[in-house]
Amino acid sequence: MKAKDELPECPVATTVSLIGNKWKLLILRNLQVRPWRFNELHKNLEGISQKVLTDSLRQMEADGIITRTVYPEVPPRVEYALSPLGESMRPILMSMQSWGAAYKAQLSKEC
């Protein structure tokens, strides 16, 4: 996790620094449903490179937003899931989903 002095003073800027890019938000969207394996995420997130996915997952794990579980199997199985801190972001993501749906509905009425 980042130290308090490494984070912006503004709480909104802090949130944006942790999850404020397209890929992190879409990863969080998927992890709200269930744990995912790396290749599942890579296939589902069309257009993301392996490097960007790896970097995003590592950053979110380091920030305490997601967990990475390695199962002792051959071949090893790794799953990513929301941590309790990541779960606390669920209302934010649900609000974004509701706002996006309302915006799209408003556009439909205008056409």
PDB file of N, CA and C in Angstrom:
ATOM      1  N   MET A   1       0.829  -1.180   0.000  1.00  0.00           N
ATOM      2  CA  MET A   1       0.000   0.000   0.000  1.00  0.00           C
ATOM      3  C   MET A   1       0.871   1.240   0.000  1.00  0.00           C
ATOM      4  N   LYS A   2       0.315   2.291  -0.599  1.00  0.00           N
ATOM      5  CA  LYS A   2       1.040   3.551  -0.608  1.00  0.00           C
ATOM      6  C   LYS A   2       0.996   4.180   0.778  1.00  0.00           C
ATOM      7  N   ALA A   3       2.054   4.898   1.106  1.00  0.00           N
ATOM      8  CA  ALA A   3       2.080   5.646   2.363  1.00  0.00           C
ATOM      9  C   ALA A   3       1.192   6.875   2.215  1.00  0.00           C
ATOM     10  N   LYS A   4       0.674   7.336   3.318  1.00  0.00           N
ATOM     11  CA  LYS A   4      -0.242   8.479   3.300  1.00  0.00           C
ATOM     12  C   LYS A   4       0.382   9.695   2.612  1.00  0.00           C
ATOM     13  N   ASP A   5       1.677   9.928   2.841  1.00  0.00           N
ATOM     14  CA  ASP A   5       2.322  11.096   2.235  1.00  0.00           C
ATOM     15  C   ASP A   5       2.569  10.932   0.740  1.00  0.00           C
ATOM     16  N   GLU A   6       2.364   9.728   0.201  1.00  0.00           N
ATOM     17  CA  GLU A   6       2.499   9.494  -1.237  1.00  0.00           C
ATOM     18  C   GLU A   6       1.200   9.784  -1.998  1.00  0.00           C
ATOM     19  N   LEU A   7       0.105   9.953  -1.264  1.00  0.00           N
ATOM     20  CA  LEU A   7      -1.198  10.148  -1.885  1.00  0.00           C
ATOM     21  C   LEU A   7      -1.526  11.629  -1.994  1.00  0.00           C
ATOM     22  N   PRO A   8      -2.328  11.989  -3.009  1.00  0.00           N
ATOM     23  CA  PRO A   8      -2.745  13.387  -3.130  1.00  0.00           C
ATOM     24  C   PRO A   8      -3.556  13.821  -1.909  1.00  0.00           C
ATOM     25  N   GLU A   9      -3.558  15.115  -1.638  1.00  0.00           N
ATOM     26  CA  GLU A   9      -4.319  15.636  -0.505  1.00  0.00           C
ATOM     27  C   GLU A   9      -5.822  15.505  -0.726  1.00  0.00           C
ATOM     28  N   CYS A  10      -6.271  15.712  -1.945  1.00  0.00           N
ATOM     29  CA  CYS A  10      -7.696  15.647  -2.273  1.00  0.00           C
ATOM     30  C   CYS A  10      -8.175  14.194  -2.299  1.00  0.00           C
ATOM     31  N   PRO A  11      -9.259  13.858  -1.594  1.00  0.00           N
ATOM     32  CA  PRO A  11      -9.767  12.489  -1.577  1.00  0.00           C
ATOM     33  C   PRO A  11     -10.190  11.969  -2.957  1.00  0.00           C
ATOM     34  N   VAL A  12     -10.738  12.851  -3.791  1.00  0.00           N
ATOM     35  CA  VAL A  12     -11.121  12.425  -5.144  1.00  0.00           C
ATOM     36  C   VAL A  12      -9.871  12.067  -5.942  1.00  0.00           C
ATOM     37  N   ALA A  13      -8.848  12.882  -5.821  1.00  0.00           N
ATOM     38  CA  ALA A  13      -7.590  12.604  -6.521  1.00  0.00           C
ATOM     39  C   ALA A  13      -6.958  11.308  -6.015  1.00  0.00           C
ATOM     40  N   THR A  14      -7.115  11.017  -4.729  1.00  0.00           N
ATOM     41  CA  THR A  14      -6.610   9.755  -4.183  1.00  0.00           C
ATOM     42  C   THR A  14      -7.300   8.576  -4.848  1.00  0.00           C
ATOM     43  N   THR A  15      -8.639   8.644  -4.940  1.00  0.00           N
ATOM     44  CA  THR A  15      -9.398   7.563  -5.576  1.00  0.00           C
ATOM     45  C   THR A  15      -8.978   7.404  -7.030  1.00  0.00           C
ATOM     46  N   VAL A  16      -8.865   8.518  -7.738  1.00  0.00           N
ATOM     47  CA  VAL A  16      -8.468   8.474  -9.148  1.00  0.00           C
ATOM     48  C   VAL A  16      -7.072   7.874  -9.291  1.00  0.00           C
ATOM     49  N   SER A  17      -6.178   8.192  -8.371  1.00  0.00           N
ATOM     50  CA  SER A  17      -4.819   7.648  -8.475  1.00  0.00           C
ATOM     51  C   SER A  17      -4.806   6.130  -8.289  1.00  0.00           C
ATOM     52  N   LEU A  18      -5.783   5.599  -7.537  1.00  0.00           N
ATOM     53  CA  LEU A  18      -5.822   4.161  -7.285  1.00  0.00           C
ATOM     54  C   LEU A  18      -6.576   3.376  -8.357  1.00  0.00           C
ATOM     55  N   ILE A  19      -7.669   3.918  -8.876  1.00  0.00           N
ATOM     56  CA  ILE A  19      -8.493   3.153  -9.825  1.00  0.00           C
ATOM     57  C   ILE A  19      -8.871   3.951 -11.068  1.00  0.00           C
ATOM     58  N   GLY A  20      -8.240   5.093 -11.262  1.00  0.00           N
ATOM     59  CA  GLY A  20      -8.702   6.018 -12.291  1.00  0.00           C
ATOM     60  C   GLY A  20      -8.192   5.791 -13.692  1.00  0.00           C
ATOM     61  N   ASN A  21      -8.058   4.563 -14.113  1.00  0.00           N
ATOM     62  CA  ASN A  21      -7.809   4.367 -15.541  1.00  0.00           C
ATOM     63  C   ASN A  21      -8.790   3.323 -16.061  1.00  0.00           C
ATOM     64  N   LYS A  22      -8.946   3.330 -17.346  1.00  0.00           N
ATOM     65  CA  LYS A  22      -9.933   2.466 -18.003  1.00  0.00           C
ATOM     66  C   LYS A  22      -9.785   1.003 -17.596  1.00  0.00           C
ATOM     67  N   TRP A  23      -8.566   0.504 -17.632  1.00  0.00           N
ATOM     68  CA  TRP A  23      -8.376  -0.928 -17.411  1.00  0.00           C
ATOM     69  C   TRP A  23      -8.630  -1.330 -15.972  1.00  0.00           C
ATOM     70  N   LYS A  24      -8.174  -0.529 -15.017  1.00  0.00           N
ATOM     71  CA  LYS A  24      -8.411  -0.876 -13.609  1.00  0.00           C
ATOM     72  C   LYS A  24      -9.903  -0.912 -13.307  1.00  0.00           C
ATOM     73  N   LEU A  25     -10.650   0.042 -13.836  1.00  0.00           N
ATOM     74  CA  LEU A  25     -12.095   0.055 -13.607  1.00  0.00           C
ATOM     75  C   LEU A  25     -12.761  -1.176 -14.209  1.00  0.00           C
ATOM     76  N   LEU A  26     -12.333  -1.579 -15.397  1.00  0.00           N
ATOM     77  CA  LEU A  26     -12.928  -2.759 -16.026  1.00  0.00           C
ATOM     78  C   LEU A  26     -12.518  -4.048 -15.312  1.00  0.00           C
ATOM     79  N   ILE A  27     -11.311  -4.089 -14.803  1.00  0.00           N
ATOM     80  CA  ILE A  27     -10.886  -5.247 -13.997  1.00  0.00           C
ATOM     81  C   ILE A  27     -11.754  -5.334 -12.742  1.00  0.00           C
ATOM     82  N   LEU A  28     -11.943  -4.216 -12.068  1.00  0.00           N
ATOM     83  CA  LEU A  28     -12.790  -4.194 -10.873  1.00  0.00           C
ATOM     84  C   LEU A  28     -14.218  -4.597 -11.199  1.00  0.00           C
ATOM     85  N   ARG A  29     -14.721  -4.129 -12.341  1.00  0.00           N
ATOM     86  CA  ARG A  29     -16.075  -4.522 -12.768  1.00  0.00           C
ATOM     87  C   ARG A  29     -16.191  -6.036 -12.842  1.00  0.00           C
ATOM     88  N   ASN A  30     -15.211  -6.682 -13.451  1.00  0.00           N
ATOM     89  CA  ASN A  30     -15.244  -8.137 -13.583  1.00  0.00           C
ATOM     90  C   ASN A  30     -15.115  -8.834 -12.233  1.00  0.00           C
ATOM     91  N   LEU A  31     -14.218  -8.329 -11.394  1.00  0.00           N
ATOM     92  CA  LEU A  31     -13.969  -8.988 -10.113  1.00  0.00           C
ATOM     93  C   LEU A  31     -15.132  -8.832  -9.138  1.00  0.00           C
ATOM     94  N   GLN A  32     -16.056  -7.921  -9.407  1.00  0.00           N
ATOM     95  CA  GLN A  32     -17.256  -7.809  -8.568  1.00  0.00           C
ATOM     96  C   GLN A  32     -18.104  -9.067  -8.663  1.00  0.00           C
ATOM     97  N   VAL A  33     -18.030  -9.754  -9.810  1.00  0.00           N
ATOM     98  CA  VAL A  33     -18.881 -10.910 -10.068  1.00  0.00           C
ATOM     99  C   VAL A  33     -18.327 -12.170  -9.418  1.00  0.00           C
ATOM    100  N   ARG A  34     -17.008 -12.375  -9.576  1.00  0.00           N
ATOM    101  CA  ARG A  34     -16.370 -13.599  -9.084  1.00  0.00           C
ATOM    102  C   ARG A  34     -14.863 -13.458  -9.232  1.00  0.00           C
ATOM    103  N   PRO A  35     -14.084 -14.358  -8.640  1.00  0.00           N
ATOM    104  CA  PRO A  35     -12.641 -14.369  -8.900  1.00  0.00           C
ATOM    105  C   PRO A  35     -12.367 -14.759 -10.360  1.00  0.00           C
ATOM    106  N   TRP A  36     -11.325 -14.195 -10.920  1.00  0.00           N
ATOM    107  CA  TRP A  36     -10.950 -14.466 -12.307  1.00  0.00           C
ATOM    108  C   TRP A  36      -9.493 -14.886 -12.370  1.00  0.00           C
ATOM    109  N   ARG A  37      -9.190 -15.719 -13.375  1.00  0.00           N
ATOM    110  CA  ARG A  37      -7.812 -16.075 -13.674  1.00  0.00           C
ATOM    111  C   ARG A  37      -7.273 -15.073 -14.697  1.00  0.00           C
ATOM    112  N   PHE A  38      -5.953 -14.979 -14.769  1.00  0.00           N
ATOM    113  CA  PHE A  38      -5.312 -14.001 -15.643  1.00  0.00           C
ATOM    114  C   PHE A  38      -5.795 -14.128 -17.090  1.00  0.00           C
ATOM    115  N   ASN A  39      -5.748 -15.347 -17.628  1.00  0.00           N
ATOM    116  CA  ASN A  39      -6.119 -15.516 -19.039  1.00  0.00           C
ATOM    117  C   ASN A  39      -7.592 -15.202 -19.295  1.00  0.00           C
ATOM    118  N   GLU A  40      -8.457 -15.470 -18.322  1.00  0.00           N
ATOM    119  CA  GLU A  40      -9.865 -15.110 -18.465  1.00  0.00           C
ATOM    120  C   GLU A  40     -10.014 -13.593 -18.575  1.00  0.00           C
ATOM    121  N   LEU A  41      -9.323 -12.879 -17.696  1.00  0.00           N
ATOM    122  CA  LEU A  41      -9.368 -11.418 -17.750  1.00  0.00           C
ATOM    123  C   LEU A  41      -8.813 -10.905 -19.075  1.00  0.00           C
ATOM    124  N   HIS A  42      -7.709 -11.475 -19.488  1.00  0.00           N
ATOM    125  CA  HIS A  42      -7.069 -11.021 -20.729  1.00  0.00           C
ATOM    126  C   HIS A  42      -8.000 -11.205 -21.929  1.00  0.00           C
ATOM    127  N   LYS A  43      -8.688 -12.325 -21.986  1.00  0.00           N
ATOM    128  CA  LYS A  43      -9.622 -12.579 -23.094  1.00  0.00           C
ATOM    129  C   LYS A  43     -10.851 -11.691 -23.004  1.00  0.00           C
ATOM    130  N   ASN A  44     -11.326 -11.431 -21.793  1.00  0.00           N
ATOM    131  CA  ASN A  44     -12.547 -10.644 -21.611  1.00  0.00           C
ATOM    132  C   ASN A  44     -12.331  -9.157 -21.851  1.00  0.00           C
ATOM    133  N   LEU A  45     -11.154  -8.658 -21.529  1.00  0.00           N
ATOM    134  CA  LEU A  45     -10.858  -7.234 -21.665  1.00  0.00           C
ATOM    135  C   LEU A  45     -10.212  -6.989 -23.025  1.00  0.00           C
ATOM    136  N   GLU A  46     -11.040  -6.906 -24.033  1.00  0.00           N
ATOM    137  CA  GLU A  46     -10.564  -6.779 -25.407  1.00  0.00           C
ATOM    138  C   GLU A  46      -9.713  -5.520 -25.575  1.00  0.00           C
ATOM    139  N   GLY A  47      -8.508  -5.726 -26.081  1.00  0.00           N
ATOM    140  CA  GLY A  47      -7.618  -4.609 -26.356  1.00  0.00           C
ATOM    141  C   GLY A  47      -6.533  -4.390 -25.315  1.00  0.00           C
ATOM    142  N   ILE A  48      -6.624  -5.038 -24.168  1.00  0.00           N
ATOM    143  CA  ILE A  48      -5.593  -4.861 -23.138  1.00  0.00           C
ATOM    144  C   ILE A  48      -4.400  -5.759 -23.457  1.00  0.00           C
ATOM    145  N   SER A  49      -3.216  -5.219 -23.299  1.00  0.00           N
ATOM    146  CA  SER A  49      -2.020  -6.035 -23.511  1.00  0.00           C
ATOM    147  C   SER A  49      -1.718  -6.820 -22.234  1.00  0.00           C
ATOM    148  N   GLN A  50      -0.947  -7.892 -22.385  1.00  0.00           N
ATOM    149  CA  GLN A  50      -0.570  -8.685 -21.213  1.00  0.00           C
ATOM    150  C   GLN A  50       0.217  -7.839 -20.219  1.00  0.00           C
ATOM    151  N   LYS A  51       1.080  -6.963 -20.742  1.00  0.00           N
ATOM    152  CA  LYS A  51       1.894  -6.117 -19.867  1.00  0.00           C
ATOM    153  C   LYS A  51       1.024  -5.163 -19.056  1.00  0.00           C
ATOM    154  N   VAL A  52       0.066  -4.516 -19.709  1.00  0.00           N
ATOM    155  CA  VAL A  52      -0.801  -3.570 -19.001  1.00  0.00           C
ATOM    156  C   VAL A  52      -1.657  -4.315 -17.977  1.00  0.00           C
ATOM    157  N   LEU A  53      -2.176  -5.487 -18.332  1.00  0.00           N
ATOM    158  CA  LEU A  53      -2.964  -6.274 -17.389  1.00  0.00           C
ATOM    159  C   LEU A  53      -2.106  -6.682 -16.195  1.00  0.00           C
ATOM    160  N   THR A  54      -0.923  -7.182 -16.454  1.00  0.00           N
ATOM    161  CA  THR A  54      -0.004  -7.575 -15.375  1.00  0.00           C
ATOM    162  C   THR A  54       0.316  -6.399 -14.474  1.00  0.00           C
ATOM    163  N   ASP A  55       0.666  -5.256 -15.074  1.00  0.00           N
ATOM    164  CA  ASP A  55       1.010  -4.072 -14.284  1.00  0.00           C
ATOM    165  C   ASP A  55      -0.181  -3.593 -13.454  1.00  0.00           C
ATOM    166  N   SER A  56      -1.367  -3.579 -14.055  1.00  0.00           N
ATOM    167  CA  SER A  56      -2.571  -3.129 -13.346  1.00  0.00           C
ATOM    168  C   SER A  56      -2.882  -4.050 -12.170  1.00  0.00           C
ATOM    169  N   LEU A  57      -2.820  -5.360 -12.398  1.00  0.00           N
ATOM    170  CA  LEU A  57      -3.087  -6.312 -11.317  1.00  0.00           C
ATOM    171  C   LEU A  57      -2.064  -6.167 -10.193  1.00  0.00           C
ATOM    172  N   ARG A  58      -0.803  -6.004 -10.536  1.00  0.00           N
ATOM    173  CA  ARG A  58       0.244  -5.847  -9.517  1.00  0.00           C
ATOM    174  C   ARG A  58       0.033  -4.575  -8.706  1.00  0.00           C
ATOM    175  N   GLN A  59      -0.307  -3.469  -9.401  1.00  0.00           N
ATOM    176  CA  GLN A  59      -0.540  -2.209  -8.695  1.00  0.00           C
ATOM    177  C   GLN A  59      -1.735  -2.322  -7.754  1.00  0.00           C
ATOM    178  N   MET A  60      -2.829  -2.918  -8.236  1.00  0.00           N
ATOM    179  CA  MET A  60      -4.015  -3.035  -7.394  1.00  0.00           C
ATOM    180  C   MET A  60      -3.768  -3.986  -6.220  1.00  0.00           C
ATOM    181  N   GLU A  61      -2.962  -5.014  -6.440  1.00  0.00           N
ATOM    182  CA  GLU A  61      -2.610  -5.912  -5.326  1.00  0.00           C
ATOM    183  C   GLU A  61      -1.747  -5.164  -4.303  1.00  0.00           C
ATOM    184  N   ALA A  62      -0.773  -4.410  -4.789  1.00  0.00           N
ATOM    185  CA  ALA A  62       0.097  -3.643  -3.892  1.00  0.00           C
ATOM    186  C   ALA A  62      -0.692  -2.591  -3.113  1.00  0.00           C
ATOM    187  N   ASP A  63      -1.736  -2.047  -3.724  1.00  0.00           N
ATOM    188  CA  ASP A  63      -2.575  -1.041  -3.068  1.00  0.00           C
ATOM    189  C   ASP A  63      -3.632  -1.668  -2.163  1.00  0.00           C
ATOM    190  N   GLY A  64      -3.700  -2.995  -2.137  1.00  0.00           N
ATOM    191  CA  GLY A  64      -4.623  -3.691  -1.255  1.00  0.00           C
ATOM    192  C   GLY A  64      -6.051  -3.788  -1.777  1.00  0.00           C
ATOM    193  N   ILE A  65      -6.253  -3.512  -3.059  1.00  0.00           N
ATOM    194  CA  ILE A  65      -7.598  -3.516  -3.643  1.00  0.00           C
ATOM    195  C   ILE A  65      -8.023  -4.915  -4.083  1.00  0.00           C
ATOM    196  N   ILE A  66      -7.057  -5.711  -4.511  1.00  0.00           N
ATOM    197  CA  ILE A  66      -7.354  -7.081  -4.923  1.00  0.00           C
ATOM    198  C   ILE A  66      -6.416  -8.040  -4.207  1.00  0.00           C
ATOM    199  N   THR A  67      -6.798  -9.320  -4.241  1.00  0.00           N
ATOM    200  CA  THR A  67      -5.935 -10.371  -3.710  1.00  0.00           C
ATOM    201  C   THR A  67      -5.536 -11.299  -4.849  1.00  0.00           C
ATOM    202  N   ARG A  68      -4.396 -11.902  -4.690  1.00  0.00           N
ATOM    203  CA  ARG A  68      -3.883 -12.875  -5.658  1.00  0.00           C
ATOM    204  C   ARG A  68      -3.663 -14.172  -4.893  1.00  0.00           C
ATOM    205  N   THR A  69      -4.360 -15.214  -5.326  1.00  0.00           N
ATOM    206  CA  THR A  69      -4.243 -16.509  -4.659  1.00  0.00           C
ATOM    207  C   THR A  69      -3.611 -17.506  -5.622  1.00  0.00           C
ATOM    208  N   VAL A  70      -2.519 -18.115  -5.190  1.00  0.00           N
ATOM    209  CA  VAL A  70      -1.839 -19.138  -5.987  1.00  0.00           C
ATOM    210  C   VAL A  70      -2.192 -20.488  -5.383  1.00  0.00           C
ATOM    211  N   TYR A  71      -2.757 -21.361  -6.204  1.00  0.00           N
ATOM    212  CA  TYR A  71      -3.117 -22.708  -5.750  1.00  0.00           C
ATOM    213  C   TYR A  71      -1.979 -23.658  -6.082  1.00  0.00           C
ATOM    214  N   PRO A  72      -1.567 -24.493  -5.119  1.00  0.00           N
ATOM    215  CA  PRO A  72      -0.424 -25.388  -5.334  1.00  0.00           C
ATOM    216  C   PRO A  72      -0.812 -26.596  -6.190  1.00  0.00           C
ATOM    217  N   GLU A  73      -0.966 -26.344  -7.466  1.00  0.00           N
ATOM    218  CA  GLU A  73      -1.315 -27.391  -8.427  1.00  0.00           C
ATOM    219  C   GLU A  73      -0.282 -27.379  -9.534  1.00  0.00           C
ATOM    220  N   VAL A  74      -0.327 -28.396 -10.352  1.00  0.00           N
ATOM    221  CA  VAL A  74       0.529 -28.434 -11.545  1.00  0.00           C
ATOM    222  C   VAL A  74      -0.384 -28.506 -12.756  1.00  0.00           C
ATOM    223  N   PRO A  75      -0.381 -27.501 -13.619  1.00  0.00           N
ATOM    224  CA  PRO A  75       0.326 -26.224 -13.492  1.00  0.00           C
ATOM    225  C   PRO A  75      -0.328 -25.352 -12.424  1.00  0.00           C
ATOM    226  N   PRO A  76       0.420 -24.388 -11.900  1.00  0.00           N
ATOM    227  CA  PRO A  76      -0.132 -23.526 -10.857  1.00  0.00           C
ATOM    228  C   PRO A  76      -1.356 -22.748 -11.372  1.00  0.00           C
ATOM    229  N   ARG A  77      -2.326 -22.595 -10.487  1.00  0.00           N
ATOM    230  CA  ARG A  77      -3.526 -21.822 -10.825  1.00  0.00           C
ATOM    231  C   ARG A  77      -3.510 -20.578  -9.946  1.00  0.00           C
ATOM    232  N   VAL A  78      -3.716 -19.413 -10.583  1.00  0.00           N
ATOM    233  CA  VAL A  78      -3.713 -18.141  -9.878  1.00  0.00           C
ATOM    234  C   VAL A  78      -5.056 -17.468 -10.119  1.00  0.00           C
ATOM    235  N   GLU A  79      -5.683 -16.998  -9.041  1.00  0.00           N
ATOM    236  CA  GLU A  79      -6.948 -16.283  -9.161  1.00  0.00           C
ATOM    237  C   GLU A  79      -6.827 -14.917  -8.500  1.00  0.00           C
ATOM    238  N   TYR A  80      -7.500 -13.969  -9.119  1.00  0.00           N
ATOM    239  CA  TYR A  80      -7.563 -12.607  -8.593  1.00  0.00           C
ATOM    240  C   TYR A  80      -8.986 -12.356  -8.118  1.00  0.00           C
ATOM    241  N   ALA A  81      -9.108 -11.704  -6.961  1.00  0.00           N
ATOM    242  CA  ALA A  81     -10.417 -11.409  -6.380  1.00  0.00           C
ATOM    243  C   ALA A  81     -10.341 -10.064  -5.675  1.00  0.00           C
ATOM    244  N   LEU A  82     -11.501  -9.496  -5.400  1.00  0.00           N
ATOM    245  CA  LEU A  82     -11.548  -8.260  -4.633  1.00  0.00           C
ATOM    246  C   LEU A  82     -11.164  -8.544  -3.182  1.00  0.00           C
ATOM    247  N   SER A  83     -10.365  -7.692  -2.620  1.00  0.00           N
ATOM    248  CA  SER A  83     -10.062  -7.748  -1.188  1.00  0.00           C
ATOM    249  C   SER A  83     -11.208  -7.053  -0.453  1.00  0.00           C
ATOM    250  N   PRO A  84     -11.224  -7.095   0.866  1.00  0.00           N
ATOM    251  CA  PRO A  84     -12.240  -6.323   1.592  1.00  0.00           C
ATOM    252  C   PRO A  84     -12.218  -4.834   1.216  1.00  0.00           C
ATOM    253  N   LEU A  85     -11.025  -4.275   1.012  1.00  0.00           N
ATOM    254  CA  LEU A  85     -10.932  -2.881   0.573  1.00  0.00           C
ATOM    255  C   LEU A  85     -11.544  -2.711  -0.812  1.00  0.00           C
ATOM    256  N   GLY A  86     -11.264  -3.657  -1.705  1.00  0.00           N
ATOM    257  CA  GLY A  86     -11.860  -3.621  -3.046  1.00  0.00           C
ATOM    258  C   GLY A  86     -13.373  -3.755  -2.990  1.00  0.00           C
ATOM    259  N   GLU A  87     -13.867  -4.604  -2.101  1.00  0.00           N
ATOM    260  CA  GLU A  87     -15.318  -4.761  -1.921  1.00  0.00           C
ATOM    261  C   GLU A  87     -15.956  -3.450  -1.487  1.00  0.00           C
ATOM    262  N   SER A  88     -15.222  -2.651  -0.726  1.00  0.00           N
ATOM    263  CA  SER A  88     -15.775  -1.372  -0.269  1.00  0.00           C
ATOM    264  C   SER A  88     -15.976  -0.393  -1.424  1.00  0.00           C
ATOM    265  N   MET A  89     -15.408  -0.692  -2.580  1.00  0.00           N
ATOM    266  CA  MET A  89     -15.598   0.150  -3.767  1.00  0.00           C
ATOM    267  C   MET A  89     -16.848  -0.226  -4.560  1.00  0.00           C
ATOM    268  N   ARG A  90     -17.498  -1.306  -4.173  1.00  0.00           N
ATOM    269  CA  ARG A  90     -18.691  -1.772  -4.886  1.00  0.00           C
ATOM    270  C   ARG A  90     -19.735  -0.662  -5.068  1.00  0.00           C
ATOM    271  N   PRO A  91     -20.066   0.126  -4.027  1.00  0.00           N
ATOM    272  CA  PRO A  91     -21.068   1.186  -4.238  1.00  0.00           C
ATOM    273  C   PRO A  91     -20.632   2.230  -5.277  1.00  0.00           C
ATOM    274  N   ILE A  92     -19.345   2.516  -5.324  1.00  0.00           N
ATOM    275  CA  ILE A  92     -18.836   3.462  -6.318  1.00  0.00           C
ATOM    276  C   ILE A  92     -19.056   2.910  -7.722  1.00  0.00           C
ATOM    277  N   LEU A  93     -18.697   1.646  -7.914  1.00  0.00           N
ATOM    278  CA  LEU A  93     -18.840   1.024  -9.226  1.00  0.00           C
ATOM    279  C   LEU A  93     -20.312   0.876  -9.611  1.00  0.00           C
ATOM    280  N   MET A  94     -21.156   0.560  -8.644  1.00  0.00           N
ATOM    281  CA  MET A  94     -22.587   0.448  -8.929  1.00  0.00           C
ATOM    282  C   MET A  94     -23.164   1.810  -9.310  1.00  0.00           C
ATOM    283  N   SER A  95     -22.723   2.869  -8.656  1.00  0.00           N
ATOM    284  CA  SER A  95     -23.170   4.219  -9.016  1.00  0.00           C
ATOM    285  C   SER A  95     -22.719   4.581 -10.430  1.00  0.00           C
ATOM    286  N   MET A  96     -21.504   4.196 -10.780  1.00  0.00           N
ATOM    287  CA  MET A  96     -21.015   4.456 -12.140  1.00  0.00           C
ATOM    288  C   MET A  96     -21.854   3.697 -13.162  1.00  0.00           C
ATOM    289  N   GLN A  97     -22.225   2.456 -12.832  1.00  0.00           N
ATOM    290  CA  GLN A  97     -23.065   1.656 -13.724  1.00  0.00           C
ATOM    291  C   GLN A  97     -24.431   2.314 -13.896  1.00  0.00           C
ATOM    292  N   SER A  98     -25.042   2.745 -12.807  1.00  0.00           N
ATOM    293  CA  SER A  98     -26.353   3.391 -12.867  1.00  0.00           C
ATOM    294  C   SER A  98     -26.289   4.687 -13.663  1.00  0.00           C
ATOM    295  N   TRP A  99     -25.258   5.479 -13.431  1.00  0.00           N
ATOM    296  CA  TRP A  99     -25.123   6.739 -14.148  1.00  0.00           C
ATOM    297  C   TRP A  99     -24.953   6.489 -15.645  1.00  0.00           C
ATOM    298  N   GLY A 100     -24.132   5.510 -15.992  1.00  0.00           N
ATOM    299  CA  GLY A 100     -23.912   5.182 -17.405  1.00  0.00           C
ATOM    300  C   GLY A 100     -25.186   4.719 -18.081  1.00  0.00           C
ATOM    301  N   ALA A 101     -25.970   3.905 -17.390  1.00  0.00           N
ATOM    302  CA  ALA A 101     -27.241   3.430 -17.949  1.00  0.00           C
ATOM    303  C   ALA A 101     -28.212   4.593 -18.131  1.00  0.00           C
ATOM    304  N   ALA A 102     -28.282   5.499 -17.154  1.00  0.00           N
ATOM    305  CA  ALA A 102     -29.176   6.664 -17.261  1.00  0.00           C
ATOM    306  C   ALA A 102     -28.742   7.576 -18.401  1.00  0.00           C
ATOM    307  N   TYR A 103     -27.450   7.753 -18.563  1.00  0.00           N
ATOM    308  CA  TYR A 103     -26.934   8.582 -19.647  1.00  0.00           C
ATOM    309  C   TYR A 103     -27.314   8.003 -21.007  1.00  0.00           C
ATOM    310  N   LYS A 104     -27.129   6.706 -21.149  1.00  0.00           N
ATOM    311  CA  LYS A 104     -27.483   6.049 -22.414  1.00  0.00           C
ATOM    312  C   LYS A 104     -28.984   6.132 -22.668  1.00  0.00           C
ATOM    313  N   ALA A 105     -29.806   6.000 -21.628  1.00  0.00           N
ATOM    314  CA  ALA A 105     -31.258   6.100 -21.771  1.00  0.00           C
ATOM    315  C   ALA A 105     -31.634   7.514 -22.209  1.00  0.00           C
ATOM    316  N   GLN A 106     -30.962   8.524 -21.654  1.00  0.00           N
ATOM    317  CA  GLN A 106     -31.251   9.904 -22.033  1.00  0.00           C
ATOM    318  C   GLN A 106     -30.908  10.144 -23.507  1.00  0.00           C
ATOM    319  N   LEU A 107     -29.824   9.578 -23.955  1.00  0.00           N
ATOM    320  CA  LEU A 107     -29.449   9.722 -25.370  1.00  0.00           C
ATOM    321  C   LEU A 107     -30.484   9.069 -26.275  1.00  0.00           C
ATOM    322  N   SER A 108     -31.033   7.940 -25.840  1.00  0.00           N
ATOM    323  CA  SER A 108     -32.053   7.250 -26.629  1.00  0.00           C
ATOM    324  C   SER A 108     -33.318   8.103 -26.765  1.00  0.00           C
ATOM    325  N   LYS A 109     -33.660   8.831 -25.734  1.00  0.00           N
ATOM    326  CA  LYS A 109     -34.856   9.680 -25.770  1.00  0.00           C
ATOM    327  C   LYS A 109     -34.676  10.850 -26.726  1.00  0.00           C
ATOM    328  N   GLU A 110     -33.442  11.315 -26.871  1.00  0.00           N
ATOM    329  CA  GLU A 110     -33.172  12.469 -27.710  1.00  0.00           C
ATOM    330  C   GLU A 110     -33.169  12.125 -29.191  1.00  0.00           C
ATOM    331  N   CYS A 111     -32.952  10.871 -29.504  1.00  0.00           N
ATOM    332  CA  CYS A 111     -32.832  10.468 -30.915  1.00  0.00           C
ATOM    333  C   CYS A 111     -34.151  10.320 -31.605  1.00  0.00           C
TER     334      CYS A 111
END
